[in-house]
């Protein structure tokens, strides 16, 4: 994450969480599936709220009371996160008040927050554990990496993984300094 992006987000938000208004434990959150950490793709948010976004099972509706204000924020990434969380919390009344143009709505729906659990893309490791962005995994098999001329060895750790948002069978991560796509059937989540 660039220092310039963080500074611009702090200037934009007056050094406050763009969802809750809190001034404590702020982090930059890149709104998936965007990959470039620019102010146009990121928001400034508390670590606790970011963790709830990344780990849906920990979502506490009381922590998201600021959505009724943040949904009207002039910055699109804040609107996108607000839309996703309103969809997750099934707050239909506020969702129906929001307007996103076609491209913004496509971005908002990219993670499947508006779908029932059976329609969502869920990434699972070889043992059936649910994977989230930022998790760490280890390889459970030697893997020949196409186009890189090396073998990723069994037991190799892969930290801070990224989920391939439209394919439940793939994650991205770095092995031996190379950014690669890995099939989820060949990894095991580490605690």
N, C-alpha and C. Protein backbone atom coordinates (compact mmCIF):
# COMPACT_ATOMS: atom_id res chain seq x y z
N UNK A 1 0.86 -1.18 0.00
CA UNK A 1 0.00 0.00 0.00
C UNK A 1 0.90 1.23 0.00
N UNK A 2 0.64 2.12 -0.88
CA UNK A 2 1.51 3.28 -0.98
C UNK A 2 1.19 4.32 0.10
N UNK A 3 2.21 5.00 0.53
CA UNK A 3 2.06 6.05 1.53
C UNK A 3 1.25 7.21 0.95
N UNK A 4 1.42 7.45 -0.36
CA UNK A 4 0.66 8.52 -1.03
C UNK A 4 -0.83 8.22 -0.98
N UNK A 5 -1.20 6.97 -1.27
CA UNK A 5 -2.62 6.58 -1.23
C UNK A 5 -3.17 6.76 0.18
N UNK A 6 -2.43 6.29 1.18
CA UNK A 6 -2.89 6.43 2.57
C UNK A 6 -3.07 7.90 2.94
N UNK A 7 -2.11 8.76 2.54
CA UNK A 7 -2.22 10.19 2.86
C UNK A 7 -3.44 10.80 2.18
N UNK A 8 -3.65 10.46 0.90
CA UNK A 8 -4.81 11.01 0.18
C UNK A 8 -6.13 10.54 0.81
N UNK A 9 -6.18 9.29 1.26
CA UNK A 9 -7.39 8.80 1.92
C UNK A 9 -7.63 9.51 3.25
N UNK A 10 -6.55 9.76 3.99
CA UNK A 10 -6.68 10.48 5.26
C UNK A 10 -7.15 11.92 5.01
N UNK A 11 -6.62 12.54 3.97
CA UNK A 11 -7.07 13.89 3.62
C UNK A 11 -8.55 13.88 3.22
N UNK A 12 -8.93 12.90 2.42
CA UNK A 12 -10.30 12.79 1.92
C UNK A 12 -11.30 12.56 3.06
N UNK A 13 -10.88 11.79 4.06
CA UNK A 13 -11.81 11.40 5.13
C UNK A 13 -11.60 12.17 6.43
N UNK A 14 -10.69 13.12 6.43
CA UNK A 14 -10.36 13.86 7.65
C UNK A 14 -9.83 12.91 8.73
N UNK A 15 -9.07 11.90 8.29
CA UNK A 15 -8.46 10.88 9.16
C UNK A 15 -9.50 10.15 10.02
N UNK A 16 -10.63 9.84 9.40
CA UNK A 16 -11.70 9.09 10.08
C UNK A 16 -12.12 7.92 9.21
N UNK A 17 -12.61 6.87 9.85
CA UNK A 17 -13.16 5.73 9.13
C UNK A 17 -14.29 6.23 8.24
N UNK A 18 -14.25 5.85 6.97
CA UNK A 18 -15.25 6.33 6.02
C UNK A 18 -16.60 5.63 6.17
N UNK A 19 -16.67 4.66 7.06
CA UNK A 19 -17.93 3.98 7.35
C UNK A 19 -18.47 4.40 8.71
N UNK A 20 -17.63 4.32 9.75
CA UNK A 20 -18.11 4.55 11.12
C UNK A 20 -17.80 5.93 11.67
N UNK A 21 -16.82 6.62 11.08
CA UNK A 21 -16.41 7.92 11.61
C UNK A 21 -15.39 7.82 12.73
N UNK A 22 -15.00 6.60 13.12
CA UNK A 22 -14.02 6.41 14.19
C UNK A 22 -12.64 6.90 13.73
N UNK A 23 -11.83 7.33 14.70
CA UNK A 23 -10.48 7.82 14.40
C UNK A 23 -9.40 6.84 14.83
N UNK A 24 -9.79 5.66 15.33
CA UNK A 24 -8.82 4.72 15.90
C UNK A 24 -8.62 3.50 15.02
N UNK A 25 -7.38 2.99 15.01
CA UNK A 25 -7.02 1.76 14.31
C UNK A 25 -7.44 1.77 12.84
N UNK A 26 -7.07 2.81 12.12
CA UNK A 26 -7.46 2.94 10.73
C UNK A 26 -6.49 2.21 9.81
N UNK A 27 -7.04 1.56 8.79
CA UNK A 27 -6.25 0.86 7.79
C UNK A 27 -6.81 1.19 6.41
N UNK A 28 -5.98 1.01 5.40
CA UNK A 28 -6.43 1.18 4.02
C UNK A 28 -6.97 -0.16 3.56
N UNK A 29 -8.17 -0.15 2.97
CA UNK A 29 -8.80 -1.36 2.48
C UNK A 29 -9.01 -1.24 0.98
N UNK A 30 -8.42 -2.17 0.22
CA UNK A 30 -8.57 -2.23 -1.23
C UNK A 30 -9.86 -2.98 -1.54
N UNK A 31 -10.78 -2.33 -2.23
CA UNK A 31 -12.10 -2.89 -2.48
C UNK A 31 -12.03 -3.85 -3.67
N UNK A 32 -12.20 -5.15 -3.39
CA UNK A 32 -12.15 -6.21 -4.40
C UNK A 32 -13.23 -5.98 -5.45
N UNK A 33 -13.02 -6.43 -6.65
CA UNK A 33 -11.86 -7.16 -7.15
C UNK A 33 -10.76 -6.25 -7.70
N UNK A 34 -10.79 -4.97 -7.38
CA UNK A 34 -9.74 -4.05 -7.83
C UNK A 34 -8.40 -4.54 -7.30
N UNK A 35 -7.33 -4.32 -8.05
CA UNK A 35 -6.01 -4.79 -7.66
C UNK A 35 -5.01 -3.66 -7.47
N UNK A 36 -5.33 -2.47 -7.97
CA UNK A 36 -4.42 -1.33 -7.86
C UNK A 36 -4.85 -0.46 -6.68
N UNK A 37 -3.96 -0.31 -5.71
CA UNK A 37 -4.28 0.43 -4.48
C UNK A 37 -4.20 1.93 -4.70
N UNK A 38 -5.22 2.47 -5.35
CA UNK A 38 -5.32 3.91 -5.56
C UNK A 38 -6.49 4.43 -4.71
N UNK A 39 -6.55 5.73 -4.46
CA UNK A 39 -7.69 6.26 -3.70
C UNK A 39 -9.04 5.96 -4.36
N UNK A 40 -9.03 5.79 -5.68
CA UNK A 40 -10.27 5.48 -6.39
C UNK A 40 -10.73 4.04 -6.19
N UNK A 41 -9.86 3.19 -5.60
CA UNK A 41 -10.17 1.79 -5.38
C UNK A 41 -10.16 1.40 -3.91
N UNK A 42 -9.86 2.34 -3.01
CA UNK A 42 -9.66 2.03 -1.60
C UNK A 42 -10.52 2.92 -0.71
N UNK A 43 -10.68 2.46 0.53
CA UNK A 43 -11.30 3.29 1.56
C UNK A 43 -10.44 3.23 2.81
N UNK A 44 -10.64 4.21 3.69
CA UNK A 44 -10.00 4.22 4.99
C UNK A 44 -11.05 3.69 5.97
N UNK A 45 -10.71 2.63 6.70
CA UNK A 45 -11.68 1.94 7.53
C UNK A 45 -10.99 1.44 8.80
N UNK A 46 -11.75 1.20 9.85
CA UNK A 46 -11.14 0.66 11.07
C UNK A 46 -10.74 -0.79 10.80
N UNK A 47 -9.72 -1.23 11.51
CA UNK A 47 -9.26 -2.61 11.36
C UNK A 47 -10.38 -3.58 11.72
N UNK A 48 -11.16 -3.27 12.74
CA UNK A 48 -12.25 -4.17 13.16
C UNK A 48 -13.29 -4.35 12.06
N UNK A 49 -13.66 -3.26 11.38
CA UNK A 49 -14.63 -3.38 10.29
C UNK A 49 -14.02 -4.10 9.09
N UNK A 50 -12.76 -3.82 8.80
CA UNK A 50 -12.10 -4.53 7.69
C UNK A 50 -12.08 -6.03 7.96
N UNK A 51 -11.79 -6.41 9.20
CA UNK A 51 -11.77 -7.83 9.55
C UNK A 51 -13.14 -8.47 9.37
N UNK A 52 -14.20 -7.72 9.68
CA UNK A 52 -15.55 -8.26 9.49
C UNK A 52 -15.90 -8.40 8.01
N UNK A 53 -15.40 -7.49 7.18
CA UNK A 53 -15.62 -7.62 5.74
C UNK A 53 -14.96 -8.91 5.25
N UNK A 54 -13.74 -9.14 5.69
CA UNK A 54 -12.96 -10.29 5.21
C UNK A 54 -13.39 -11.61 5.85
N UNK A 55 -14.04 -11.55 7.00
CA UNK A 55 -14.48 -12.76 7.71
C UNK A 55 -15.96 -12.61 8.03
N UNK A 56 -16.83 -12.89 7.06
CA UNK A 56 -18.27 -12.63 7.20
C UNK A 56 -18.91 -13.27 8.45
N UNK A 57 -18.36 -14.37 8.90
CA UNK A 57 -18.95 -15.03 10.06
C UNK A 57 -18.81 -14.20 11.34
N UNK A 58 -17.94 -13.18 11.33
CA UNK A 58 -17.74 -12.34 12.51
C UNK A 58 -18.55 -11.04 12.45
N UNK A 59 -19.37 -10.87 11.42
CA UNK A 59 -20.11 -9.62 11.22
C UNK A 59 -21.05 -9.33 12.39
N UNK A 60 -20.92 -8.14 12.94
CA UNK A 60 -21.78 -7.67 14.03
C UNK A 60 -22.53 -6.43 13.51
N UNK A 61 -23.84 -6.59 13.31
CA UNK A 61 -24.66 -5.52 12.73
C UNK A 61 -24.53 -4.20 13.49
N UNK A 62 -24.32 -4.26 14.80
CA UNK A 62 -24.20 -3.04 15.61
C UNK A 62 -22.99 -2.19 15.22
N UNK A 63 -21.95 -2.83 14.69
CA UNK A 63 -20.75 -2.10 14.30
C UNK A 63 -20.94 -1.35 12.99
N UNK A 64 -22.04 -1.61 12.28
CA UNK A 64 -22.25 -1.05 10.95
C UNK A 64 -23.36 0.00 10.93
N UNK A 65 -23.64 0.61 12.05
CA UNK A 65 -24.68 1.64 12.10
C UNK A 65 -24.37 2.85 11.23
N UNK A 66 -23.11 3.07 10.92
CA UNK A 66 -22.71 4.20 10.09
C UNK A 66 -23.07 4.05 8.62
N UNK A 67 -23.59 2.88 8.22
CA UNK A 67 -23.92 2.67 6.81
C UNK A 67 -24.99 3.62 6.29
N UNK A 68 -25.89 4.03 7.17
CA UNK A 68 -26.96 4.93 6.72
C UNK A 68 -26.41 6.29 6.31
N UNK A 69 -25.22 6.65 6.79
CA UNK A 69 -24.54 7.87 6.35
C UNK A 69 -23.55 7.59 5.22
N UNK A 70 -22.76 6.51 5.37
CA UNK A 70 -21.70 6.24 4.39
C UNK A 70 -22.26 5.89 3.01
N UNK A 71 -23.48 5.37 2.95
CA UNK A 71 -24.05 5.02 1.65
C UNK A 71 -24.22 6.25 0.74
N UNK A 72 -24.25 7.44 1.35
CA UNK A 72 -24.39 8.69 0.60
C UNK A 72 -23.05 9.37 0.33
N UNK A 73 -21.93 8.74 0.75
CA UNK A 73 -20.61 9.31 0.55
C UNK A 73 -20.37 9.57 -0.94
N UNK A 74 -19.67 10.65 -1.26
CA UNK A 74 -19.43 11.01 -2.66
C UNK A 74 -18.38 10.12 -3.32
N UNK A 75 -17.63 9.34 -2.54
CA UNK A 75 -16.56 8.52 -3.09
C UNK A 75 -17.07 7.11 -3.38
N UNK A 76 -16.91 6.68 -4.61
CA UNK A 76 -17.48 5.42 -5.08
C UNK A 76 -17.04 4.20 -4.27
N UNK A 77 -15.76 4.04 -3.89
CA UNK A 77 -15.41 2.84 -3.13
C UNK A 77 -16.15 2.76 -1.79
N UNK A 78 -16.43 3.90 -1.18
CA UNK A 78 -17.19 3.92 0.08
C UNK A 78 -18.63 3.47 -0.20
N UNK A 79 -19.19 3.93 -1.30
CA UNK A 79 -20.54 3.50 -1.69
C UNK A 79 -20.58 1.99 -1.94
N UNK A 80 -19.54 1.47 -2.60
CA UNK A 80 -19.49 0.04 -2.92
C UNK A 80 -19.47 -0.79 -1.64
N UNK A 81 -18.60 -0.44 -0.69
CA UNK A 81 -18.52 -1.18 0.57
C UNK A 81 -19.85 -1.05 1.33
N UNK A 82 -20.43 0.14 1.32
CA UNK A 82 -21.71 0.34 1.99
C UNK A 82 -22.78 -0.56 1.38
N UNK A 83 -22.84 -0.61 0.06
CA UNK A 83 -23.82 -1.45 -0.63
C UNK A 83 -23.64 -2.92 -0.26
N UNK A 84 -22.37 -3.37 -0.28
CA UNK A 84 -22.08 -4.78 0.03
C UNK A 84 -22.49 -5.14 1.46
N UNK A 85 -22.20 -4.24 2.39
CA UNK A 85 -22.53 -4.56 3.78
C UNK A 85 -24.03 -4.47 4.02
N UNK A 86 -24.71 -3.54 3.37
CA UNK A 86 -26.17 -3.48 3.48
C UNK A 86 -26.78 -4.76 2.91
N UNK A 87 -26.21 -5.27 1.82
CA UNK A 87 -26.69 -6.52 1.23
C UNK A 87 -26.43 -7.69 2.17
N UNK A 88 -25.23 -7.72 2.78
CA UNK A 88 -24.90 -8.81 3.72
C UNK A 88 -25.85 -8.79 4.91
N UNK A 89 -26.12 -7.58 5.41
CA UNK A 89 -26.99 -7.43 6.58
C UNK A 89 -28.48 -7.50 6.21
N UNK A 90 -28.74 -7.64 4.90
CA UNK A 90 -30.11 -7.75 4.39
C UNK A 90 -30.97 -6.56 4.77
N UNK A 91 -30.37 -5.36 4.70
CA UNK A 91 -31.10 -4.13 4.98
C UNK A 91 -31.70 -3.61 3.66
N UNK A 92 -32.80 -4.21 3.28
CA UNK A 92 -33.43 -3.94 1.99
C UNK A 92 -33.90 -2.49 1.89
N UNK A 93 -34.41 -1.93 2.98
CA UNK A 93 -34.90 -0.55 2.94
C UNK A 93 -33.82 0.42 2.49
N UNK A 94 -32.63 0.35 3.11
CA UNK A 94 -31.54 1.25 2.73
C UNK A 94 -30.99 0.90 1.34
N UNK A 95 -30.91 -0.39 1.02
CA UNK A 95 -30.42 -0.79 -0.30
C UNK A 95 -31.28 -0.20 -1.41
N UNK A 96 -32.59 -0.21 -1.21
CA UNK A 96 -33.49 0.31 -2.23
C UNK A 96 -33.36 1.82 -2.41
N UNK A 97 -32.84 2.52 -1.40
CA UNK A 97 -32.62 3.97 -1.52
C UNK A 97 -31.36 4.30 -2.31
N UNK A 98 -30.41 3.38 -2.35
CA UNK A 98 -29.13 3.63 -3.02
C UNK A 98 -29.29 3.57 -4.52
N UNK A 99 -28.52 4.42 -5.21
CA UNK A 99 -28.44 4.34 -6.66
C UNK A 99 -26.98 4.18 -7.06
N UNK A 100 -26.70 3.12 -7.78
CA UNK A 100 -25.38 2.93 -8.37
C UNK A 100 -25.57 2.75 -9.87
N UNK A 101 -24.74 3.40 -10.68
CA UNK A 101 -24.86 3.18 -12.12
C UNK A 101 -24.46 1.74 -12.45
N UNK A 102 -24.62 1.34 -13.69
CA UNK A 102 -24.42 -0.06 -14.09
C UNK A 102 -23.03 -0.59 -13.74
N UNK A 103 -21.98 0.20 -14.05
CA UNK A 103 -20.60 -0.24 -13.75
C UNK A 103 -20.36 -0.36 -12.25
N UNK A 104 -20.86 0.61 -11.49
CA UNK A 104 -20.68 0.58 -10.04
C UNK A 104 -21.43 -0.61 -9.43
N UNK A 105 -22.63 -0.90 -9.92
CA UNK A 105 -23.40 -2.03 -9.41
C UNK A 105 -22.69 -3.34 -9.73
N UNK A 106 -22.09 -3.42 -10.90
CA UNK A 106 -21.32 -4.63 -11.25
C UNK A 106 -20.15 -4.81 -10.28
N UNK A 107 -19.45 -3.70 -9.95
CA UNK A 107 -18.35 -3.74 -8.99
C UNK A 107 -18.89 -4.18 -7.62
N UNK A 108 -20.00 -3.61 -7.20
CA UNK A 108 -20.57 -3.94 -5.89
C UNK A 108 -20.95 -5.42 -5.81
N UNK A 109 -21.48 -5.96 -6.89
CA UNK A 109 -21.95 -7.35 -6.88
C UNK A 109 -20.83 -8.37 -7.11
N UNK A 110 -19.61 -7.91 -7.39
CA UNK A 110 -18.50 -8.80 -7.75
C UNK A 110 -18.17 -9.82 -6.67
N UNK A 111 -18.44 -9.51 -5.41
CA UNK A 111 -18.12 -10.46 -4.33
C UNK A 111 -19.30 -11.33 -3.94
N UNK A 112 -20.46 -11.10 -4.55
CA UNK A 112 -21.61 -11.96 -4.29
C UNK A 112 -22.34 -11.68 -2.99
N UNK A 113 -22.12 -10.52 -2.38
CA UNK A 113 -22.79 -10.20 -1.11
C UNK A 113 -24.32 -10.20 -1.25
N UNK A 114 -24.82 -9.93 -2.45
CA UNK A 114 -26.26 -9.84 -2.63
C UNK A 114 -26.90 -11.20 -2.88
N UNK A 115 -26.10 -12.25 -2.99
CA UNK A 115 -26.63 -13.58 -3.28
C UNK A 115 -26.83 -14.37 -2.00
N UNK A 116 -27.77 -15.30 -2.05
CA UNK A 116 -27.93 -16.22 -0.94
C UNK A 116 -26.67 -17.08 -0.87
N UNK A 117 -26.45 -17.70 0.28
CA UNK A 117 -25.23 -18.48 0.47
C UNK A 117 -25.01 -19.52 -0.62
N UNK A 118 -26.08 -20.12 -1.15
CA UNK A 118 -25.89 -21.15 -2.16
C UNK A 118 -25.39 -20.58 -3.48
N UNK A 119 -25.59 -19.30 -3.74
CA UNK A 119 -25.13 -18.68 -4.98
C UNK A 119 -23.75 -18.06 -4.89
N UNK A 120 -23.21 -17.94 -3.68
CA UNK A 120 -21.92 -17.28 -3.49
C UNK A 120 -20.76 -18.19 -3.88
N UNK A 121 -19.70 -17.57 -4.34
CA UNK A 121 -18.47 -18.29 -4.61
C UNK A 121 -17.70 -18.37 -3.30
N UNK A 122 -17.46 -19.60 -2.83
CA UNK A 122 -16.76 -19.82 -1.57
C UNK A 122 -15.49 -20.61 -1.87
N UNK A 123 -14.38 -20.07 -1.41
CA UNK A 123 -13.09 -20.72 -1.60
C UNK A 123 -12.81 -21.60 -0.40
N UNK A 124 -12.48 -22.89 -0.66
CA UNK A 124 -12.17 -23.83 0.43
C UNK A 124 -10.85 -24.53 0.14
N UNK A 125 -10.10 -24.77 1.22
CA UNK A 125 -8.83 -25.48 1.05
C UNK A 125 -9.09 -26.99 0.91
N UNK A 126 -8.03 -27.77 0.88
CA UNK A 126 -8.14 -29.21 0.66
C UNK A 126 -8.91 -29.92 1.78
N UNK A 127 -8.99 -29.31 2.95
CA UNK A 127 -9.71 -29.89 4.08
C UNK A 127 -11.12 -29.33 4.24
N UNK A 128 -11.53 -28.45 3.33
CA UNK A 128 -12.87 -27.87 3.41
C UNK A 128 -12.96 -26.61 4.26
N UNK A 129 -11.82 -26.09 4.73
CA UNK A 129 -11.82 -24.85 5.49
C UNK A 129 -12.03 -23.67 4.55
N UNK A 130 -12.87 -22.72 4.94
CA UNK A 130 -13.15 -21.56 4.10
C UNK A 130 -11.94 -20.62 4.11
N UNK A 131 -11.55 -20.17 2.93
CA UNK A 131 -10.42 -19.26 2.77
C UNK A 131 -10.91 -17.84 2.56
N UNK A 132 -10.14 -16.87 3.08
CA UNK A 132 -10.45 -15.46 2.93
C UNK A 132 -9.21 -14.72 2.45
N UNK A 133 -9.41 -13.55 1.81
CA UNK A 133 -8.28 -12.71 1.45
C UNK A 133 -7.42 -12.46 2.68
N UNK A 134 -6.10 -12.57 2.51
CA UNK A 134 -5.19 -12.30 3.61
C UNK A 134 -4.80 -13.52 4.42
N UNK A 135 -5.47 -14.65 4.21
CA UNK A 135 -5.12 -15.87 4.93
C UNK A 135 -3.74 -16.36 4.51
N UNK A 136 -3.20 -17.27 5.33
CA UNK A 136 -1.95 -17.95 4.99
C UNK A 136 -2.26 -19.43 4.77
N UNK A 137 -1.59 -20.01 3.78
CA UNK A 137 -1.77 -21.42 3.47
C UNK A 137 -0.40 -22.04 3.25
N UNK A 138 -0.36 -23.39 3.23
CA UNK A 138 0.85 -24.12 2.82
C UNK A 138 0.46 -25.06 1.70
N UNK A 139 1.41 -25.30 0.83
CA UNK A 139 1.18 -26.24 -0.28
C UNK A 139 1.22 -27.66 0.26
N UNK A 140 0.33 -28.52 -0.22
CA UNK A 140 0.31 -29.90 0.25
C UNK A 140 0.88 -30.86 -0.80
N UNK A 141 1.38 -30.30 -1.91
CA UNK A 141 1.91 -31.09 -3.00
C UNK A 141 2.92 -30.24 -3.77
N UNK A 142 3.95 -30.89 -4.33
CA UNK A 142 4.85 -30.18 -5.23
C UNK A 142 4.07 -29.77 -6.47
N UNK A 143 4.22 -28.51 -6.88
CA UNK A 143 3.48 -28.01 -8.04
C UNK A 143 4.44 -27.42 -9.07
N UNK A 144 4.35 -27.92 -10.30
CA UNK A 144 5.12 -27.33 -11.40
C UNK A 144 4.43 -26.03 -11.79
N UNK A 145 5.18 -24.92 -11.77
CA UNK A 145 4.62 -23.61 -12.09
C UNK A 145 4.84 -23.33 -13.56
N UNK A 146 3.74 -23.28 -14.32
CA UNK A 146 3.84 -23.05 -15.76
C UNK A 146 4.37 -21.64 -16.04
N UNK A 147 5.31 -21.57 -16.96
CA UNK A 147 5.84 -20.29 -17.39
C UNK A 147 6.89 -19.70 -16.46
N UNK A 148 7.15 -20.34 -15.33
CA UNK A 148 8.13 -19.79 -14.39
C UNK A 148 9.34 -20.71 -14.22
N UNK A 149 9.27 -21.89 -14.79
CA UNK A 149 10.39 -22.84 -14.76
C UNK A 149 10.89 -23.16 -13.36
N UNK A 150 9.96 -23.35 -12.42
CA UNK A 150 10.35 -23.85 -11.10
C UNK A 150 9.22 -24.67 -10.52
N UNK A 151 9.56 -25.43 -9.49
CA UNK A 151 8.56 -26.24 -8.81
C UNK A 151 8.32 -25.66 -7.43
N UNK A 152 7.07 -25.35 -7.13
CA UNK A 152 6.71 -24.89 -5.79
C UNK A 152 6.64 -26.14 -4.92
N UNK A 153 7.46 -26.18 -3.90
CA UNK A 153 7.62 -27.38 -3.09
C UNK A 153 6.52 -27.55 -2.05
N UNK A 154 6.19 -28.78 -1.78
CA UNK A 154 5.24 -29.13 -0.73
C UNK A 154 5.73 -28.52 0.58
N UNK A 155 4.80 -27.93 1.35
CA UNK A 155 5.15 -27.31 2.62
C UNK A 155 5.51 -25.84 2.50
N UNK A 156 5.63 -25.34 1.27
CA UNK A 156 5.97 -23.92 1.07
C UNK A 156 4.82 -23.05 1.58
N UNK A 157 5.13 -22.06 2.40
CA UNK A 157 4.06 -21.17 2.90
C UNK A 157 3.69 -20.12 1.85
N UNK A 158 2.42 -19.77 1.82
CA UNK A 158 1.94 -18.70 0.95
C UNK A 158 1.15 -17.76 1.86
N UNK A 159 1.68 -16.57 2.09
CA UNK A 159 1.06 -15.62 3.01
C UNK A 159 0.25 -14.59 2.24
N UNK A 160 -0.75 -14.03 2.93
CA UNK A 160 -1.55 -12.92 2.40
C UNK A 160 -2.13 -13.26 1.02
N UNK A 161 -2.83 -14.40 0.95
CA UNK A 161 -3.40 -14.82 -0.33
C UNK A 161 -4.51 -13.87 -0.78
N UNK A 162 -4.78 -13.88 -2.05
CA UNK A 162 -5.90 -13.15 -2.64
C UNK A 162 -6.80 -14.18 -3.32
N UNK A 163 -8.10 -14.07 -3.09
CA UNK A 163 -9.05 -14.98 -3.72
C UNK A 163 -9.30 -14.51 -5.15
N UNK A 164 -9.41 -15.46 -6.08
CA UNK A 164 -9.82 -15.14 -7.44
C UNK A 164 -11.34 -15.02 -7.36
N UNK A 165 -11.85 -13.80 -7.49
CA UNK A 165 -13.23 -13.51 -7.11
C UNK A 165 -14.27 -14.27 -7.92
N UNK A 166 -13.94 -14.70 -9.15
CA UNK A 166 -14.95 -15.38 -9.96
C UNK A 166 -14.68 -16.87 -10.14
N UNK A 167 -13.71 -17.42 -9.37
CA UNK A 167 -13.39 -18.84 -9.48
C UNK A 167 -13.07 -19.39 -8.09
N UNK A 168 -13.95 -20.23 -7.56
CA UNK A 168 -13.79 -20.78 -6.21
C UNK A 168 -12.62 -21.74 -6.10
N UNK A 169 -12.08 -22.19 -7.22
CA UNK A 169 -11.00 -23.18 -7.20
C UNK A 169 -9.62 -22.56 -7.27
N UNK A 170 -9.53 -21.21 -7.30
CA UNK A 170 -8.23 -20.58 -7.48
C UNK A 170 -8.00 -19.47 -6.46
N UNK A 171 -6.73 -19.39 -6.02
CA UNK A 171 -6.25 -18.27 -5.20
C UNK A 171 -4.96 -17.76 -5.84
N UNK A 172 -4.54 -16.57 -5.42
CA UNK A 172 -3.28 -16.03 -5.89
C UNK A 172 -2.37 -15.79 -4.70
N UNK A 173 -1.07 -15.94 -4.93
CA UNK A 173 -0.11 -15.68 -3.86
C UNK A 173 1.31 -15.72 -4.38
N UNK A 174 2.26 -15.50 -3.49
CA UNK A 174 3.67 -15.48 -3.87
C UNK A 174 4.36 -16.72 -3.31
N UNK A 175 5.08 -17.40 -4.21
CA UNK A 175 5.91 -18.54 -3.84
C UNK A 175 7.28 -18.29 -4.46
N UNK A 176 8.30 -18.33 -3.65
CA UNK A 176 9.67 -18.06 -4.09
C UNK A 176 9.77 -16.75 -4.87
N UNK A 177 9.04 -15.74 -4.40
CA UNK A 177 9.09 -14.43 -5.00
C UNK A 177 8.28 -14.28 -6.28
N UNK A 178 7.64 -15.34 -6.72
CA UNK A 178 6.83 -15.31 -7.94
C UNK A 178 5.35 -15.23 -7.58
N UNK A 179 4.63 -14.35 -8.26
CA UNK A 179 3.18 -14.26 -8.09
C UNK A 179 2.54 -15.33 -8.96
N UNK A 180 1.80 -16.28 -8.33
CA UNK A 180 1.22 -17.38 -9.09
C UNK A 180 -0.23 -17.60 -8.69
N UNK A 181 -0.94 -18.30 -9.56
CA UNK A 181 -2.30 -18.76 -9.28
C UNK A 181 -2.19 -20.20 -8.82
N UNK A 182 -2.88 -20.53 -7.73
CA UNK A 182 -2.79 -21.87 -7.14
C UNK A 182 -4.19 -22.44 -7.01
N UNK A 183 -4.34 -23.71 -7.32
CA UNK A 183 -5.63 -24.38 -7.13
C UNK A 183 -5.83 -24.65 -5.64
N UNK A 184 -7.04 -24.35 -5.16
CA UNK A 184 -7.32 -24.50 -3.72
C UNK A 184 -7.20 -25.94 -3.25
N UNK A 185 -7.36 -26.91 -4.14
CA UNK A 185 -7.26 -28.32 -3.74
C UNK A 185 -5.86 -28.70 -3.31
N UNK A 186 -4.86 -27.84 -3.61
CA UNK A 186 -3.46 -28.15 -3.27
C UNK A 186 -2.94 -27.30 -2.11
N UNK A 187 -3.82 -26.68 -1.35
CA UNK A 187 -3.36 -25.89 -0.21
C UNK A 187 -4.12 -26.28 1.06
N UNK A 188 -3.47 -25.98 2.18
CA UNK A 188 -4.08 -26.19 3.50
C UNK A 188 -3.94 -24.89 4.28
N UNK A 189 -5.05 -24.42 4.82
CA UNK A 189 -5.06 -23.17 5.60
C UNK A 189 -4.27 -23.36 6.88
N UNK A 190 -3.48 -22.35 7.24
CA UNK A 190 -2.76 -22.37 8.51
C UNK A 190 -3.43 -21.41 9.46
N UNK A 191 -3.36 -21.70 10.71
CA UNK A 191 -4.06 -20.87 11.73
C UNK A 191 -3.19 -19.74 12.16
